[in-house]
Each structure stands twice: as structure tokens, then as C-alpha cells.
Amino acid sequence: MFTGIVTDIGRVRVVRQTARDRRYEVETRWDTSTLALGASISHAGCCLTVTETGPGWFAVEVSGETLTKTTLGQWMEGTPVNLERAARLGDEMGGHIVSGHIDGVGQIVSVRLEGGSRRIEISAPEPLHRFIAEKGSITVDGVSLTVNTVGGQIFSVNVIPHTLEVTTLSGLQPGDPVNLEIDMLARYLARWQETA
């Protein structure tokens, strides 16, 4: 489980196809000696397992399913990645409960300045848009954000300067794909309504 509070922007340093999957090595400012093999890390919102570590880097293997259902299939050497280590009991809950399971890939519609912040409009794929509510939570590339407006498949978020500085969201442009994870409560409420 995660909170959607990014603690480092890593960078893909190696991409290698394996017999089964794809292996990524990711550079980080974290002390990688504290990363256990098998640890879960959120990569742009996608929960992946650490399979190897070295000084200033760690490796993960990504299945074909994940490569086709997320933006990870487009990663190459040099790609910046929002990183978050798994939450521990007793940690401050700064964002919202995030599973690290991507629900779909959205597309940036527009980015515009609004005061010192940026208003970002995102198109959510069907049927995901029906789970997104104004003032609800959503995770965009691993970042916990509050939904400002919803209109059909398009929703908007307002990103403050601090979040822009410490995540990859500052580089988003119209047309860019982003990983989306809807609020877990919205998912279960919708499922309950379908079966009630």
C-alpha cells in the first residue's frame, strides 16, 4: 500500500528484455542498502517488486500485462519516474490509500497556469471516468491529487508549485499518457451498487 506522496524522482538507467519480461534498472537518491529484495515500490503509480540492488540503483522486472496496461512499456533509458516506498504502519498518511494497481491510462488534454499552480485536464478512458468524482482523490503517475472538476470523460486537477517541483508532473504536455488509479473507496462503492 502507498499514499501517493512521491519521495524521489528516479531515472531509468538500463532497459533490458529478458526471456520472460522486461527488466528496468532505476537510479535513485535513496540509500539502496535499505531496500530489501522483494520490497514493493510505486513507479509512476505502478507497484513493482525489487529484484536486485546496487549503489544508487535497484532493478525491477515488469510483466507483459503491465507493459501493455500502463505507460511503463514506453519507458526508455533516461525516463524520469515518480518513486514511493511502501507505507509502513505508523507512517503519516499524507495522501490517500493507494494500491499501486493501475486502473487505466489517461491522456493529458490541456495544461495551463492558474495563479502559481497548474490546472491539468485529463481524459480518462471508459468506463473509468464514472469512478471519478469532484473533490474525490485520484492518483496520476503515482501522485495523490484532488479532483477539481469532472465533465464526461475529462477531469481536472490543480497542482501546486511544491508538487510540480518534486514530481514528474511538471513535464506533462497535451497528448502525454499518464497512469491513473481511481480512489479505492469509489471502486468498492460502485461495485456494491452494481451488486445491491
Protein backbone atom coordinates (compact mmCIF):
# COMPACT_ATOMS: atom_id res chain seq x y z
CA MET A 1 0.00 0.00 0.00
CA PHE A 2 1.06 3.55 -0.74
CA THR A 3 -0.12 7.10 -0.03
CA GLY A 4 0.57 8.83 -3.34
CA ILE A 5 3.26 11.05 -1.78
CA VAL A 6 6.28 10.82 -4.09
CA THR A 7 9.63 10.81 -2.25
CA ASP A 8 12.06 10.74 -5.18
CA ILE A 9 12.20 11.20 -8.92
CA GLY A 10 14.21 8.24 -10.14
CA ARG A 11 15.62 7.77 -13.62
CA VAL A 12 15.66 4.64 -15.77
CA ARG A 13 19.31 3.78 -16.38
CA VAL A 14 19.02 0.40 -18.12
CA VAL A 15 16.25 -1.30 -20.11
CA ARG A 16 16.71 -4.97 -20.96
CA GLN A 17 14.37 -7.52 -22.45
CA THR A 18 14.52 -10.83 -20.60
CA ALA A 19 13.26 -14.26 -21.64
CA ARG A 20 10.01 -13.62 -19.74
CA ASP A 21 9.57 -9.90 -19.19
CA ARG A 22 11.38 -6.56 -19.28
CA ARG A 23 13.95 -5.51 -16.70
CA TYR A 24 14.43 -1.90 -15.67
CA GLU A 25 17.25 -0.57 -13.55
CA VAL A 26 16.28 2.68 -11.84
CA GLU A 27 18.66 5.25 -10.33
CA THR A 28 17.54 6.86 -7.08
CA ARG A 29 18.80 9.19 -4.35
CA TRP A 30 17.57 6.69 -1.74
CA ASP A 31 20.02 4.63 0.26
CA THR A 32 19.51 1.41 -1.69
CA SER A 33 21.23 -0.65 1.03
CA THR A 34 17.94 -0.24 2.96
CA LEU A 35 15.90 -1.78 0.12
CA ALA A 36 15.16 -5.44 0.71
CA LEU A 37 14.82 -7.82 -2.20
CA GLY A 38 11.09 -8.32 -2.68
CA ALA A 39 10.25 -4.81 -1.44
CA SER A 40 7.32 -3.07 -3.15
CA ILE A 41 7.94 0.33 -4.74
CA SER A 42 5.49 2.52 -6.62
CA HIS A 43 6.86 3.50 -10.05
CA ALA A 44 4.66 6.23 -11.60
CA GLY A 45 1.85 4.66 -9.58
CA CYS A 46 2.59 1.04 -10.52
CA CYS A 47 3.62 -1.32 -7.72
CA LEU A 48 6.73 -3.29 -8.71
CA THR A 49 8.98 -5.69 -6.79
CA VAL A 50 12.69 -5.04 -6.21
CA THR A 51 14.72 -7.93 -7.68
CA GLU A 52 18.27 -6.57 -7.32
CA THR A 53 20.04 -3.58 -5.79
CA GLY A 54 23.33 -1.77 -6.24
CA PRO A 55 24.82 1.51 -5.05
CA GLY A 56 22.27 4.19 -6.01
CA TRP A 57 20.09 1.88 -8.14
CA PHE A 58 17.67 -1.04 -7.99
CA ALA A 59 16.12 -3.37 -10.55
CA VAL A 60 12.55 -4.49 -11.21
CA GLU A 61 11.04 -6.90 -13.72
CA VAL A 62 7.81 -5.94 -15.48
CA SER A 63 5.37 -8.44 -16.97
CA GLY A 64 3.92 -8.18 -20.46
CA GLU A 65 0.50 -7.47 -18.94
CA THR A 66 1.82 -4.44 -17.05
CA LEU A 67 3.72 -3.19 -20.09
CA THR A 68 0.53 -3.16 -22.18
CA LYS A 69 -1.83 -1.77 -19.49
CA THR A 70 0.34 1.11 -18.21
CA THR A 71 2.80 3.70 -19.51
CA LEU A 72 5.74 1.52 -18.45
CA GLY A 73 6.01 -0.04 -21.90
CA GLN A 74 7.13 3.37 -23.22
CA TRP A 75 9.98 3.81 -20.76
CA MET A 76 13.49 4.10 -22.12
CA GLU A 77 16.91 4.97 -20.73
CA GLY A 78 16.69 8.41 -19.12
CA THR A 79 12.93 8.35 -18.42
CA PRO A 80 12.17 10.12 -15.11
CA VAL A 81 9.96 8.14 -12.73
CA ASN A 82 7.97 9.13 -9.62
CA LEU A 83 9.00 6.78 -6.81
CA GLU A 84 7.40 5.96 -3.46
CA ARG A 85 8.35 3.24 -1.00
CA ALA A 86 5.54 1.19 0.53
CA ALA A 87 3.82 2.72 3.55
CA ARG A 88 4.54 1.26 6.98
CA LEU A 89 2.16 1.08 9.91
CA GLY A 90 2.58 4.26 11.91
CA ASP A 91 3.66 6.38 8.90
CA GLU A 92 1.92 9.71 8.39
CA MET A 93 -0.92 9.31 5.88
CA GLY A 94 -0.35 12.40 3.76
CA GLY A 95 -2.22 11.47 0.59
CA HIS A 96 -4.85 8.74 0.34
CA ILE A 97 -4.83 4.93 0.30
CA VAL A 98 -3.23 3.82 -2.98
CA SER A 99 -2.86 0.17 -4.02
CA GLY A 100 -0.32 0.61 -6.81
CA HIS A 101 -2.63 -1.17 -9.27
CA ILE A 102 -3.17 0.99 -12.35
CA ASP A 103 -6.80 1.17 -13.48
CA GLY A 104 -6.14 2.72 -16.87
CA VAL A 105 -4.07 5.13 -18.92
CA GLY A 106 -5.39 8.66 -19.31
CA GLN A 107 -4.27 11.37 -21.70
CA ILE A 108 -3.37 14.98 -20.93
CA VAL A 109 -5.85 17.32 -22.65
CA SER A 110 -4.50 20.68 -21.50
CA VAL A 111 -2.09 22.30 -19.08
CA ARG A 112 -2.49 25.95 -18.09
CA LEU A 113 -1.23 28.28 -15.39
CA GLU A 114 -3.72 29.20 -12.71
CA GLY A 115 -2.14 31.56 -10.19
CA GLY A 116 1.05 29.85 -9.04
CA SER A 117 -0.36 26.41 -9.80
CA ARG A 118 -1.11 24.45 -12.96
CA ARG A 119 -4.55 23.22 -13.89
CA ILE A 120 -4.23 19.94 -15.76
CA GLU A 121 -7.14 18.43 -17.68
CA ILE A 122 -7.03 14.68 -18.25
CA SER A 123 -9.21 12.42 -20.36
CA ALA A 124 -9.98 9.15 -18.58
CA PRO A 125 -10.73 6.01 -20.59
CA GLU A 126 -14.18 4.43 -20.47
CA PRO A 127 -15.54 3.14 -18.16
CA LEU A 128 -13.03 4.57 -15.67
CA HIS A 129 -14.44 8.11 -15.85
CA ARG A 130 -17.58 7.07 -13.96
CA PHE A 131 -15.49 6.39 -10.83
CA ILE A 132 -14.04 9.93 -10.73
CA ALA A 133 -15.85 12.49 -8.57
CA GLU A 134 -15.32 16.17 -7.83
CA LYS A 135 -13.35 16.65 -4.61
CA GLY A 136 -12.51 12.95 -4.63
CA SER A 137 -8.99 11.55 -4.78
CA ILE A 138 -7.14 10.19 -7.80
CA THR A 139 -3.59 9.06 -8.41
CA VAL A 140 -1.87 10.42 -11.53
CA ASP A 141 1.52 8.81 -12.28
CA GLY A 142 1.71 7.86 -8.61
CA VAL A 143 0.82 11.31 -7.23
CA SER A 144 -2.19 11.68 -4.92
CA LEU A 145 -4.32 14.58 -6.18
CA THR A 146 -7.76 16.07 -5.53
CA VAL A 147 -10.18 16.15 -8.47
CA ASN A 148 -11.39 19.72 -9.11
CA THR A 149 -13.92 19.27 -11.90
CA VAL A 150 -15.47 16.43 -13.88
CA GLY A 151 -17.22 16.71 -17.24
CA GLY A 152 -17.86 13.49 -19.15
CA GLN A 153 -14.56 11.71 -19.59
CA ILE A 154 -12.48 14.81 -18.76
CA PHE A 155 -11.49 15.77 -15.23
CA SER A 156 -9.14 18.43 -13.92
CA VAL A 157 -6.65 18.65 -11.07
CA ASN A 158 -4.81 21.67 -9.71
CA VAL A 159 -1.13 21.02 -8.99
CA ILE A 160 0.68 23.33 -6.57
CA PRO A 161 4.29 24.52 -7.14
CA HIS A 162 5.75 22.19 -4.48
CA THR A 163 4.22 19.11 -6.12
CA LEU A 164 5.46 20.30 -9.51
CA GLU A 165 8.99 20.60 -8.10
CA VAL A 166 9.15 17.14 -6.51
CA THR A 167 7.35 15.03 -9.15
CA THR A 168 7.40 14.47 -12.90
CA LEU A 169 4.04 16.26 -13.32
CA SER A 170 5.88 19.49 -14.18
CA GLY A 171 6.87 17.99 -17.54
CA LEU A 172 3.38 16.95 -18.68
CA GLN A 173 2.19 18.24 -22.05
CA PRO A 174 -1.07 17.79 -24.00
CA GLY A 175 -1.17 14.32 -25.54
CA ASP A 176 1.05 12.70 -22.90
CA PRO A 177 -0.22 9.41 -21.41
CA VAL A 178 -0.49 9.08 -17.62
CA ASN A 179 -1.17 6.16 -15.29
CA LEU A 180 -4.44 6.53 -13.37
CA GLU A 181 -5.60 4.79 -10.22
CA ILE A 182 -9.06 5.68 -9.01
CA ASP A 183 -9.90 6.09 -5.34
CA MET A 184 -10.26 2.66 -3.76
CA LEU A 185 -13.43 3.71 -1.93
CA ALA A 186 -15.05 4.78 -5.22
CA ARG A 187 -14.22 1.40 -6.75
CA TYR A 188 -15.82 -0.57 -3.94
CA LEU A 189 -18.84 1.71 -3.68
CA ALA A 190 -19.52 1.33 -7.41
CA ARG A 191 -19.15 -2.45 -7.17
CA TRP A 192 -21.52 -2.55 -4.20
CA GLN A 193 -24.13 -0.53 -6.13
CA GLU A 194 -23.83 -2.89 -9.10
CA THR A 195 -24.50 -5.95 -6.96
CA ALA A 196 -27.05 -4.48 -4.49
